[in-house]
Amino acid sequence: IPTVIYEHMVKRLSAGLVKSAMDHSVPD
């Protein structure tokens, strides 16, 4: 994803929340 869009998408989202809560499972 382009950097400019990604950074807008995650704006105000806690980096700690992303690291601890984001779903990293392998999809079916």
mmCIF file of all heavy atoms, coordinates in Angstrom:
data_MODEL
# 
_entry.id   MODEL 
# 
loop_
_atom_site.group_PDB 
_atom_site.id 
_atom_site.type_symbol 
_atom_site.label_atom_id 
_atom_site.label_alt_id 
_atom_site.label_comp_id 
_atom_site.label_asym_id 
_atom_site.label_entity_id 
_atom_site.label_seq_id 
_atom_site.pdbx_PDB_ins_code 
_atom_site.Cartn_x 
_atom_site.Cartn_y 
_atom_site.Cartn_z 
_atom_site.occupancy 
_atom_site.B_iso_or_equiv 
_atom_site.pdbx_formal_charge 
_atom_site.auth_seq_id 
_atom_site.auth_comp_id 
_atom_site.auth_asym_id 
_atom_site.auth_atom_id 
_atom_site.pdbx_PDB_model_num 
ATOM 1   N N   . ILE A 1 1  ? 0.858   -1.181  0.000  1.00 0.00 ? 1  ILE A N   1 
ATOM 2   C CA  . ILE A 1 1  ? 0.000   0.000   0.000  1.00 0.00 ? 1  ILE A CA  1 
ATOM 3   C C   . ILE A 1 1  ? 0.898   1.236   0.000  1.00 0.00 ? 1  ILE A C   1 
ATOM 4   O O   . ILE A 1 1  ? 1.931   1.246   0.684  1.00 0.00 ? 1  ILE A O   1 
ATOM 5   C CB  . ILE A 1 1  ? -0.949  -0.010  1.226  1.00 0.00 ? 1  ILE A CB  1 
ATOM 6   C CG1 . ILE A 1 1  ? -1.951  1.142   1.182  1.00 0.00 ? 1  ILE A CG1 1 
ATOM 7   C CG2 . ILE A 1 1  ? -0.167  0.021   2.524  1.00 0.00 ? 1  ILE A CG2 1 
ATOM 8   C CD1 . ILE A 1 1  ? -3.030  1.040   2.265  1.00 0.00 ? 1  ILE A CD1 1 
ATOM 9   N N   . PRO A 1 2  ? 0.569   2.286   -0.751 1.00 0.00 ? 2  PRO A N   1 
ATOM 10  C CA  . PRO A 1 2  ? 1.398   3.493   -0.748 1.00 0.00 ? 2  PRO A CA  1 
ATOM 11  C C   . PRO A 1 2  ? 1.529   4.090   0.653  1.00 0.00 ? 2  PRO A C   1 
ATOM 12  O O   . PRO A 1 2  ? 0.572   4.085   1.434  1.00 0.00 ? 2  PRO A O   1 
ATOM 13  C CB  . PRO A 1 2  ? 0.640   4.444   -1.693 1.00 0.00 ? 2  PRO A CB  1 
ATOM 14  C CG  . PRO A 1 2  ? -0.159  3.549   -2.582 1.00 0.00 ? 2  PRO A CG  1 
ATOM 15  C CD  . PRO A 1 2  ? -0.540  2.382   -1.728 1.00 0.00 ? 2  PRO A CD  1 
ATOM 16  N N   . THR A 1 3  ? 2.709   4.611   0.944  1.00 0.00 ? 3  THR A N   1 
ATOM 17  C CA  . THR A 1 3  ? 2.995   5.158   2.273  1.00 0.00 ? 3  THR A CA  1 
ATOM 18  C C   . THR A 1 3  ? 1.990   6.226   2.676  1.00 0.00 ? 3  THR A C   1 
ATOM 19  O O   . THR A 1 3  ? 1.507   6.246   3.818  1.00 0.00 ? 3  THR A O   1 
ATOM 20  C CB  . THR A 1 3  ? 4.424   5.744   2.301  1.00 0.00 ? 3  THR A CB  1 
ATOM 21  O OG1 . THR A 1 3  ? 5.353   4.673   2.169  1.00 0.00 ? 3  THR A OG1 1 
ATOM 22  C CG2 . THR A 1 3  ? 4.703   6.470   3.613  1.00 0.00 ? 3  THR A CG2 1 
ATOM 23  N N   . VAL A 1 4  ? 1.665   7.138   1.770  1.00 0.00 ? 4  VAL A N   1 
ATOM 24  C CA  . VAL A 1 4  ? 0.776   8.251   2.123  1.00 0.00 ? 4  VAL A CA  1 
ATOM 25  C C   . VAL A 1 4  ? -0.599  7.750   2.549  1.00 0.00 ? 4  VAL A C   1 
ATOM 26  O O   . VAL A 1 4  ? -1.223  8.306   3.471  1.00 0.00 ? 4  VAL A O   1 
ATOM 27  C CB  . VAL A 1 4  ? 0.668   9.257   0.943  1.00 0.00 ? 4  VAL A CB  1 
ATOM 28  C CG1 . VAL A 1 4  ? 0.010   8.615   -0.276 1.00 0.00 ? 4  VAL A CG1 1 
ATOM 29  C CG2 . VAL A 1 4  ? -0.075  10.508  1.368  1.00 0.00 ? 4  VAL A CG2 1 
ATOM 30  N N   . ILE A 1 5  ? -1.087  6.692   1.914  1.00 0.00 ? 5  ILE A N   1 
ATOM 31  C CA  . ILE A 1 5  ? -2.397  6.136   2.284  1.00 0.00 ? 5  ILE A CA  1 
ATOM 32  C C   . ILE A 1 5  ? -2.282  5.355   3.586  1.00 0.00 ? 5  ILE A C   1 
ATOM 33  O O   . ILE A 1 5  ? -3.138  5.477   4.478  1.00 0.00 ? 5  ILE A O   1 
ATOM 34  C CB  . ILE A 1 5  ? -2.950  5.245   1.155  1.00 0.00 ? 5  ILE A CB  1 
ATOM 35  C CG1 . ILE A 1 5  ? -3.154  6.082   -0.118 1.00 0.00 ? 5  ILE A CG1 1 
ATOM 36  C CG2 . ILE A 1 5  ? -4.261  4.592   1.576  1.00 0.00 ? 5  ILE A CG2 1 
ATOM 37  C CD1 . ILE A 1 5  ? -3.583  5.275   -1.318 1.00 0.00 ? 5  ILE A CD1 1 
ATOM 38  N N   . TYR A 1 6  ? -1.228  4.553   3.708  1.00 0.00 ? 6  TYR A N   1 
ATOM 39  C CA  . TYR A 1 6  ? -1.044  3.761   4.926  1.00 0.00 ? 6  TYR A CA  1 
ATOM 40  C C   . TYR A 1 6  ? -0.968  4.656   6.164  1.00 0.00 ? 6  TYR A C   1 
ATOM 41  O O   . TYR A 1 6  ? -1.629  4.388   7.181  1.00 0.00 ? 6  TYR A O   1 
ATOM 42  C CB  . TYR A 1 6  ? 0.224   2.919   4.812  1.00 0.00 ? 6  TYR A CB  1 
ATOM 43  C CG  . TYR A 1 6  ? 0.574   2.184   6.088  1.00 0.00 ? 6  TYR A CG  1 
ATOM 44  C CD1 . TYR A 1 6  ? -0.046  0.975   6.407  1.00 0.00 ? 6  TYR A CD1 1 
ATOM 45  C CD2 . TYR A 1 6  ? 1.502   2.708   6.996  1.00 0.00 ? 6  TYR A CD2 1 
ATOM 46  C CE1 . TYR A 1 6  ? 0.250   0.308   7.584  1.00 0.00 ? 6  TYR A CE1 1 
ATOM 47  C CE2 . TYR A 1 6  ? 1.804   2.042   8.174  1.00 0.00 ? 6  TYR A CE2 1 
ATOM 48  C CZ  . TYR A 1 6  ? 1.176   0.853   8.458  1.00 0.00 ? 6  TYR A CZ  1 
ATOM 49  O OH  . TYR A 1 6  ? 1.464   0.199   9.636  1.00 0.00 ? 6  TYR A OH  1 
ATOM 50  N N   . GLU A 1 7  ? -0.175  5.709   6.076  1.00 0.00 ? 7  GLU A N   1 
ATOM 51  C CA  . GLU A 1 7  ? 0.002   6.577   7.247  1.00 0.00 ? 7  GLU A CA  1 
ATOM 52  C C   . GLU A 1 7  ? -1.281  7.286   7.619  1.00 0.00 ? 7  GLU A C   1 
ATOM 53  O O   . GLU A 1 7  ? -1.539  7.546   8.798  1.00 0.00 ? 7  GLU A O   1 
ATOM 54  C CB  . GLU A 1 7  ? 1.137   7.566   6.982  1.00 0.00 ? 7  GLU A CB  1 
ATOM 55  C CG  . GLU A 1 7  ? 2.501   6.869   6.946  1.00 0.00 ? 7  GLU A CG  1 
ATOM 56  C CD  . GLU A 1 7  ? 3.661   7.811   6.677  1.00 0.00 ? 7  GLU A CD  1 
ATOM 57  O OE1 . GLU A 1 7  ? 3.402   8.975   6.258  1.00 0.00 ? 7  GLU A OE1 1 
ATOM 58  O OE2 . GLU A 1 7  ? 4.823   7.394   6.867  1.00 0.00 ? 7  GLU A OE2 1 
ATOM 59  N N   . HIS A 1 8  ? -2.116  7.582   6.621  1.00 0.00 ? 8  HIS A N   1 
ATOM 60  C CA  . HIS A 1 8  ? -3.432  8.159   6.930  1.00 0.00 ? 8  HIS A CA  1 
ATOM 61  C C   . HIS A 1 8  ? -4.343  7.111   7.555  1.00 0.00 ? 8  HIS A C   1 
ATOM 62  O O   . HIS A 1 8  ? -5.112  7.412   8.480  1.00 0.00 ? 8  HIS A O   1 
ATOM 63  C CB  . HIS A 1 8  ? -4.064  8.719   5.656  1.00 0.00 ? 8  HIS A CB  1 
ATOM 64  C CG  . HIS A 1 8  ? -5.350  9.448   5.887  1.00 0.00 ? 8  HIS A CG  1 
ATOM 65  N ND1 . HIS A 1 8  ? -5.448  10.557  6.696  1.00 0.00 ? 8  HIS A ND1 1 
ATOM 66  C CD2 . HIS A 1 8  ? -6.608  9.219   5.419  1.00 0.00 ? 8  HIS A CD2 1 
ATOM 67  C CE1 . HIS A 1 8  ? -6.700  11.000  6.723  1.00 0.00 ? 8  HIS A CE1 1 
ATOM 68  N NE2 . HIS A 1 8  ? -7.429  10.188  5.953  1.00 0.00 ? 8  HIS A NE2 1 
ATOM 69  N N   . MET A 1 9  ? -4.241  5.879   7.080  1.00 0.00 ? 9  MET A N   1 
ATOM 70  C CA  . MET A 1 9  ? -5.089  4.795   7.600  1.00 0.00 ? 9  MET A CA  1 
ATOM 71  C C   . MET A 1 9  ? -4.816  4.525   9.077  1.00 0.00 ? 9  MET A C   1 
ATOM 72  O O   . MET A 1 9  ? -5.735  4.227   9.845  1.00 0.00 ? 9  MET A O   1 
ATOM 73  C CB  . MET A 1 9  ? -4.860  3.518   6.794  1.00 0.00 ? 9  MET A CB  1 
ATOM 74  C CG  . MET A 1 9  ? -5.419  3.550   5.381  1.00 0.00 ? 9  MET A CG  1 
ATOM 75  S SD  . MET A 1 9  ? -7.170  3.135   5.289  1.00 0.00 ? 9  MET A SD  1 
ATOM 76  C CE  . MET A 1 9  ? -7.144  1.416   5.720  1.00 0.00 ? 9  MET A CE  1 
ATOM 77  N N   . VAL A 1 10 ? -3.544  4.585   9.464  1.00 0.00 ? 10 VAL A N   1 
ATOM 78  C CA  . VAL A 1 10 ? -3.193  4.222   10.844 1.00 0.00 ? 10 VAL A CA  1 
ATOM 79  C C   . VAL A 1 10 ? -3.043  5.441   11.748 1.00 0.00 ? 10 VAL A C   1 
ATOM 80  O O   . VAL A 1 10 ? -2.653  5.314   12.912 1.00 0.00 ? 10 VAL A O   1 
ATOM 81  C CB  . VAL A 1 10 ? -1.890  3.386   10.883 1.00 0.00 ? 10 VAL A CB  1 
ATOM 82  C CG1 . VAL A 1 10 ? -2.055  2.102   10.086 1.00 0.00 ? 10 VAL A CG1 1 
ATOM 83  C CG2 . VAL A 1 10 ? -0.699  4.187   10.367 1.00 0.00 ? 10 VAL A CG2 1 
ATOM 84  N N   . LYS A 1 11 ? -3.366  6.629   11.228 1.00 0.00 ? 11 LYS A N   1 
ATOM 85  C CA  . LYS A 1 11 ? -3.261  7.844   12.017 1.00 0.00 ? 11 LYS A CA  1 
ATOM 86  C C   . LYS A 1 11 ? -4.130  7.736   13.268 1.00 0.00 ? 11 LYS A C   1 
ATOM 87  O O   . LYS A 1 11 ? -5.262  7.275   13.221 1.00 0.00 ? 11 LYS A O   1 
ATOM 88  C CB  . LYS A 1 11 ? -3.698  9.045   11.171 1.00 0.00 ? 11 LYS A CB  1 
ATOM 89  C CG  . LYS A 1 11 ? -3.396  10.393  11.792 1.00 0.00 ? 11 LYS A CG  1 
ATOM 90  C CD  . LYS A 1 11 ? -3.764  11.518  10.819 1.00 0.00 ? 11 LYS A CD  1 
ATOM 91  C CE  . LYS A 1 11 ? -3.437  12.876  11.416 1.00 0.00 ? 11 LYS A CE  1 
ATOM 92  N NZ  . LYS A 1 11 ? -3.797  13.965  10.460 1.00 0.00 ? 11 LYS A NZ  1 
ATOM 93  N N   . ARG A 1 12 ? -3.578  8.145   14.393 1.00 0.00 ? 12 ARG A N   1 
ATOM 94  C CA  . ARG A 1 12 ? -4.253  8.100   15.706 1.00 0.00 ? 12 ARG A CA  1 
ATOM 95  C C   . ARG A 1 12 ? -4.500  6.674   16.205 1.00 0.00 ? 12 ARG A C   1 
ATOM 96  O O   . ARG A 1 12 ? -5.270  6.469   17.154 1.00 0.00 ? 12 ARG A O   1 
ATOM 97  C CB  . ARG A 1 12 ? -5.571  8.880   15.672 1.00 0.00 ? 12 ARG A CB  1 
ATOM 98  C CG  . ARG A 1 12 ? -5.390  10.359  15.369 1.00 0.00 ? 12 ARG A CG  1 
ATOM 99  C CD  . ARG A 1 12 ? -6.713  11.083  15.356 1.00 0.00 ? 12 ARG A CD  1 
ATOM 100 N NE  . ARG A 1 12 ? -6.534  12.495  15.020 1.00 0.00 ? 12 ARG A NE  1 
ATOM 101 C CZ  . ARG A 1 12 ? -7.522  13.356  14.856 1.00 0.00 ? 12 ARG A CZ  1 
ATOM 102 N NH1 . ARG A 1 12 ? -8.782  12.944  14.985 1.00 0.00 ? 12 ARG A NH1 1 
ATOM 103 N NH2 . ARG A 1 12 ? -7.277  14.608  14.549 1.00 0.00 ? 12 ARG A NH2 1 
ATOM 104 N N   . LEU A 1 13 ? -3.886  5.711   15.550 1.00 0.00 ? 13 LEU A N   1 
ATOM 105 C CA  . LEU A 1 13 ? -3.980  4.329   16.029 1.00 0.00 ? 13 LEU A CA  1 
ATOM 106 C C   . LEU A 1 13 ? -2.715  4.007   16.801 1.00 0.00 ? 13 LEU A C   1 
ATOM 107 O O   . LEU A 1 13 ? -1.603  4.159   16.295 1.00 0.00 ? 13 LEU A O   1 
ATOM 108 C CB  . LEU A 1 13 ? -4.129  3.376   14.839 1.00 0.00 ? 13 LEU A CB  1 
ATOM 109 C CG  . LEU A 1 13 ? -4.388  1.896   15.145 1.00 0.00 ? 13 LEU A CG  1 
ATOM 110 C CD1 . LEU A 1 13 ? -5.705  1.715   15.889 1.00 0.00 ? 13 LEU A CD1 1 
ATOM 111 C CD2 . LEU A 1 13 ? -4.406  1.089   13.855 1.00 0.00 ? 13 LEU A CD2 1 
ATOM 112 N N   . SER A 1 14 ? -2.866  3.591   18.019 1.00 0.00 ? 14 SER A N   1 
ATOM 113 C CA  . SER A 1 14 ? -1.725  3.314   18.890 1.00 0.00 ? 14 SER A CA  1 
ATOM 114 C C   . SER A 1 14 ? -0.827  2.238   18.289 1.00 0.00 ? 14 SER A C   1 
ATOM 115 O O   . SER A 1 14 ? -1.297  1.157   17.912 1.00 0.00 ? 14 SER A O   1 
ATOM 116 C CB  . SER A 1 14 ? -2.214  2.876   20.268 1.00 0.00 ? 14 SER A CB  1 
ATOM 117 O OG  . SER A 1 14 ? -1.187  2.262   21.008 1.00 0.00 ? 14 SER A OG  1 
ATOM 118 N N   . ALA A 1 15 ? 0.470   2.546   18.194 1.00 0.00 ? 15 ALA A N   1 
ATOM 119 C CA  . ALA A 1 15 ? 1.430   1.557   17.677 1.00 0.00 ? 15 ALA A CA  1 
ATOM 120 C C   . ALA A 1 15 ? 1.458   0.326   18.565 1.00 0.00 ? 15 ALA A C   1 
ATOM 121 O O   . ALA A 1 15 ? 1.587   -0.808  18.081 1.00 0.00 ? 15 ALA A O   1 
ATOM 122 C CB  . ALA A 1 15 ? 2.820   2.179   17.590 1.00 0.00 ? 15 ALA A CB  1 
ATOM 123 N N   . GLY A 1 16 ? 1.326   0.535   19.860 1.00 0.00 ? 16 GLY A N   1 
ATOM 124 C CA  . GLY A 1 16 ? 1.298   -0.598  20.788 1.00 0.00 ? 16 GLY A CA  1 
ATOM 125 C C   . GLY A 1 16 ? 0.096   -1.491  20.564 1.00 0.00 ? 16 GLY A C   1 
ATOM 126 O O   . GLY A 1 16 ? 0.195   -2.723  20.650 1.00 0.00 ? 16 GLY A O   1 
ATOM 127 N N   . LEU A 1 17 ? -1.061  -0.880  20.237 1.00 0.00 ? 17 LEU A N   1 
ATOM 128 C CA  . LEU A 1 17 ? -2.270  -1.660  19.966 1.00 0.00 ? 17 LEU A CA  1 
ATOM 129 C C   . LEU A 1 17 ? -2.104  -2.483  18.703 1.00 0.00 ? 17 LEU A C   1 
ATOM 130 O O   . LEU A 1 17 ? -2.502  -3.656  18.651 1.00 0.00 ? 17 LEU A O   1 
ATOM 131 C CB  . LEU A 1 17 ? -3.473  -0.719  19.831 1.00 0.00 ? 17 LEU A CB  1 
ATOM 132 C CG  . LEU A 1 17 ? -4.825  -1.382  19.550 1.00 0.00 ? 17 LEU A CG  1 
ATOM 133 C CD1 . LEU A 1 17 ? -5.226  -2.286  20.714 1.00 0.00 ? 17 LEU A CD1 1 
ATOM 134 C CD2 . LEU A 1 17 ? -5.895  -0.320  19.309 1.00 0.00 ? 17 LEU A CD2 1 
ATOM 135 N N   . VAL A 1 18 ? -1.500  -1.882  17.681 1.00 0.00 ? 18 VAL A N   1 
ATOM 136 C CA  . VAL A 1 18 ? -1.266  -2.603  16.424 1.00 0.00 ? 18 VAL A CA  1 
ATOM 137 C C   . VAL A 1 18 ? -0.379  -3.820  16.665 1.00 0.00 ? 18 VAL A C   1 
ATOM 138 O O   . VAL A 1 18 ? -0.657  -4.925  16.192 1.00 0.00 ? 18 VAL A O   1 
ATOM 139 C CB  . VAL A 1 18 ? -0.632  -1.671  15.371 1.00 0.00 ? 18 VAL A CB  1 
ATOM 140 C CG1 . VAL A 1 18 ? -0.239  -2.468  14.129 1.00 0.00 ? 18 VAL A CG1 1 
ATOM 141 C CG2 . VAL A 1 18 ? -1.589  -0.555  14.996 1.00 0.00 ? 18 VAL A CG2 1 
ATOM 142 N N   . LYS A 1 19 ? 0.704   -3.634  17.409 1.00 0.00 ? 19 LYS A N   1 
ATOM 143 C CA  . LYS A 1 19 ? 1.651   -4.724  17.654 1.00 0.00 ? 19 LYS A CA  1 
ATOM 144 C C   . LYS A 1 19 ? 1.051   -5.829  18.514 1.00 0.00 ? 19 LYS A C   1 
ATOM 145 O O   . LYS A 1 19 ? 1.315   -7.009  18.307 1.00 0.00 ? 19 LYS A O   1 
ATOM 146 C CB  . LYS A 1 19 ? 2.909   -4.176  18.312 1.00 0.00 ? 19 LYS A CB  1 
ATOM 147 C CG  . LYS A 1 19 ? 3.753   -3.294  17.385 1.00 0.00 ? 19 LYS A CG  1 
ATOM 148 C CD  . LYS A 1 19 ? 4.971   -2.736  18.104 1.00 0.00 ? 19 LYS A CD  1 
ATOM 149 C CE  . LYS A 1 19 ? 5.790   -1.850  17.174 1.00 0.00 ? 19 LYS A CE  1 
ATOM 150 N NZ  . LYS A 1 19 ? 6.970   -1.261  17.849 1.00 0.00 ? 19 LYS A NZ  1 
ATOM 151 N N   . SER A 1 20 ? 0.223   -5.425  19.486 1.00 0.00 ? 20 SER A N   1 
ATOM 152 C CA  . SER A 1 20 ? -0.287  -6.420  20.438 1.00 0.00 ? 20 SER A CA  1 
ATOM 153 C C   . SER A 1 20 ? -1.601  -7.062  20.010 1.00 0.00 ? 20 SER A C   1 
ATOM 154 O O   . SER A 1 20 ? -1.891  -8.198  20.391 1.00 0.00 ? 20 SER A O   1 
ATOM 155 C CB  . SER A 1 20 ? -0.473  -5.775  21.816 1.00 0.00 ? 20 SER A CB  1 
ATOM 156 O OG  . SER A 1 20 ? -1.467  -4.750  21.763 1.00 0.00 ? 20 SER A OG  1 
ATOM 157 N N   . ALA A 1 21 ? -2.413  -6.338  19.208 1.00 0.00 ? 21 ALA A N   1 
ATOM 158 C CA  . ALA A 1 21 ? -3.767  -6.814  18.947 1.00 0.00 ? 21 ALA A CA  1 
ATOM 159 C C   . ALA A 1 21 ? -4.040  -7.222  17.507 1.00 0.00 ? 21 ALA A C   1 
ATOM 160 O O   . ALA A 1 21 ? -4.966  -7.995  17.253 1.00 0.00 ? 21 ALA A O   1 
ATOM 161 C CB  . ALA A 1 21 ? -4.776  -5.735  19.356 1.00 0.00 ? 21 ALA A CB  1 
ATOM 162 N N   . MET A 1 22 ? -3.272  -6.716  16.541 1.00 0.00 ? 22 MET A N   1 
ATOM 163 C CA  . MET A 1 22 ? -3.559  -6.985  15.125 1.00 0.00 ? 22 MET A CA  1 
ATOM 164 C C   . MET A 1 22 ? -3.544  -8.481  14.823 1.00 0.00 ? 22 MET A C   1 
ATOM 165 O O   . MET A 1 22 ? -2.678  -9.217  15.287 1.00 0.00 ? 22 MET A O   1 
ATOM 166 C CB  . MET A 1 22 ? -2.546  -6.276  14.229 1.00 0.00 ? 22 MET A CB  1 
ATOM 167 C CG  . MET A 1 22 ? -2.809  -6.435  12.734 1.00 0.00 ? 22 MET A CG  1 
ATOM 168 S SD  . MET A 1 22 ? -4.233  -5.513  12.118 1.00 0.00 ? 22 MET A SD  1 
ATOM 169 C CE  . MET A 1 22 ? -3.523  -3.864  11.905 1.00 0.00 ? 22 MET A CE  1 
ATOM 170 N N   . ASP A 1 23 ? -4.525  -8.911  14.044 1.00 0.00 ? 23 ASP A N   1 
ATOM 171 C CA  . ASP A 1 23 ? -4.624  -10.317 13.659 1.00 0.00 ? 23 ASP A CA  1 
ATOM 172 C C   . ASP A 1 23 ? -3.517  -10.664 12.663 1.00 0.00 ? 23 ASP A C   1 
ATOM 173 O O   . ASP A 1 23 ? -3.497  -10.135 11.548 1.00 0.00 ? 23 ASP A O   1 
ATOM 174 C CB  . ASP A 1 23 ? -5.984  -10.594 13.046 1.00 0.00 ? 23 ASP A CB  1 
ATOM 175 C CG  . ASP A 1 23 ? -6.141  -12.037 12.567 1.00 0.00 ? 23 ASP A CG  1 
ATOM 176 O OD1 . ASP A 1 23 ? -5.565  -12.917 13.209 1.00 0.00 ? 23 ASP A OD1 1 
ATOM 177 O OD2 . ASP A 1 23 ? -6.813  -12.251 11.545 1.00 0.00 ? 23 ASP A OD2 1 
ATOM 178 N N   . HIS A 1 24 ? -2.587  -11.538 13.046 1.00 0.00 ? 24 HIS A N   1 
ATOM 179 C CA  . HIS A 1 24 ? -1.499  -11.965 12.173 1.00 0.00 ? 24 HIS A CA  1 
ATOM 180 C C   . HIS A 1 24 ? -1.636  -13.442 11.778 1.00 0.00 ? 24 HIS A C   1 
ATOM 181 O O   . HIS A 1 24 ? -0.659  -14.064 11.364 1.00 0.00 ? 24 HIS A O   1 
ATOM 182 C CB  . HIS A 1 24 ? -0.155  -11.756 12.876 1.00 0.00 ? 24 HIS A CB  1 
ATOM 183 C CG  . HIS A 1 24 ? 0.214   -10.309 13.049 1.00 0.00 ? 24 HIS A CG  1 
ATOM 184 N ND1 . HIS A 1 24 ? 0.859   -9.826  14.160 1.00 0.00 ? 24 HIS A ND1 1 
ATOM 185 C CD2 . HIS A 1 24 ? -0.005  -9.224  12.256 1.00 0.00 ? 24 HIS A CD2 1 
ATOM 186 C CE1 . HIS A 1 24 ? 1.029   -8.514  14.050 1.00 0.00 ? 24 HIS A CE1 1 
ATOM 187 N NE2 . HIS A 1 24 ? 0.514   -8.141  12.896 1.00 0.00 ? 24 HIS A NE2 1 
ATOM 188 N N   . SER A 1 25 ? -2.821  -13.988 11.886 1.00 0.00 ? 25 SER A N   1 
ATOM 189 C CA  . SER A 1 25 ? -3.025  -15.386 11.548 1.00 0.00 ? 25 SER A CA  1 
ATOM 190 C C   . SER A 1 25 ? -2.967  -15.598 10.038 1.00 0.00 ? 25 SER A C   1 
ATOM 191 O O   . SER A 1 25 ? -3.161  -14.668 9.247  1.00 0.00 ? 25 SER A O   1 
ATOM 192 C CB  . SER A 1 25 ? -4.372  -15.882 12.082 1.00 0.00 ? 25 SER A CB  1 
ATOM 193 O OG  . SER A 1 25 ? -5.437  -15.163 11.471 1.00 0.00 ? 25 SER A OG  1 
ATOM 194 N N   . VAL A 1 26 ? -2.696  -16.830 9.634  1.00 0.00 ? 26 VAL A N   1 
ATOM 195 C CA  . VAL A 1 26 ? -2.680  -17.195 8.215  1.00 0.00 ? 26 VAL A CA  1 
ATOM 196 C C   . VAL A 1 26 ? -4.110  -17.478 7.790  1.00 0.00 ? 26 VAL A C   1 
ATOM 197 O O   . VAL A 1 26 ? -4.783  -18.348 8.366  1.00 0.00 ? 26 VAL A O   1 
ATOM 198 C CB  . VAL A 1 26 ? -1.790  -18.423 7.970  1.00 0.00 ? 26 VAL A CB  1 
ATOM 199 C CG1 . VAL A 1 26 ? -1.838  -18.823 6.501  1.00 0.00 ? 26 VAL A CG1 1 
ATOM 200 C CG2 . VAL A 1 26 ? -0.372  -18.144 8.413  1.00 0.00 ? 26 VAL A CG2 1 
ATOM 201 N N   . PRO A 1 27 ? -4.637  -16.744 6.800  1.00 0.00 ? 27 PRO A N   1 
ATOM 202 C CA  . PRO A 1 27 ? -6.059  -16.921 6.420  1.00 0.00 ? 27 PRO A CA  1 
ATOM 203 C C   . PRO A 1 27 ? -6.314  -18.270 5.781  1.00 0.00 ? 27 PRO A C   1 
ATOM 204 O O   . PRO A 1 27 ? -5.450  -18.868 5.157  1.00 0.00 ? 27 PRO A O   1 
ATOM 205 C CB  . PRO A 1 27 ? -6.291  -15.772 5.435  1.00 0.00 ? 27 PRO A CB  1 
ATOM 206 C CG  . PRO A 1 27 ? -4.945  -15.457 4.883  1.00 0.00 ? 27 PRO A CG  1 
ATOM 207 C CD  . PRO A 1 27 ? -3.974  -15.709 6.000  1.00 0.00 ? 27 PRO A CD  1 
ATOM 208 N N   . ASP A 1 28 ? -7.548  -18.729 5.956  1.00 0.00 ? 28 ASP A N   1 
ATOM 209 C CA  . ASP A 1 28 ? -7.984  -19.969 5.308  1.00 0.00 ? 28 ASP A CA  1 
ATOM 210 C C   . ASP A 1 28 ? -8.236  -19.719 3.831  1.00 0.00 ? 28 ASP A C   1 
ATOM 211 O O   . ASP A 1 28 ? -8.555  -18.606 3.416  1.00 0.00 ? 28 ASP A O   1 
ATOM 212 C CB  . ASP A 1 28 ? -9.276  -20.489 5.954  1.00 0.00 ? 28 ASP A CB  1 
ATOM 213 C CG  . ASP A 1 28 ? -9.075  -20.893 7.400  1.00 0.00 ? 28 ASP A CG  1 
ATOM 214 O OD1 . ASP A 1 28 ? -7.961  -21.369 7.730  1.00 0.00 ? 28 ASP A OD1 1 
ATOM 215 O OD2 . ASP A 1 28 ? -10.012 -20.735 8.210  1.00 0.00 ? 28 ASP A OD2 1 
# 
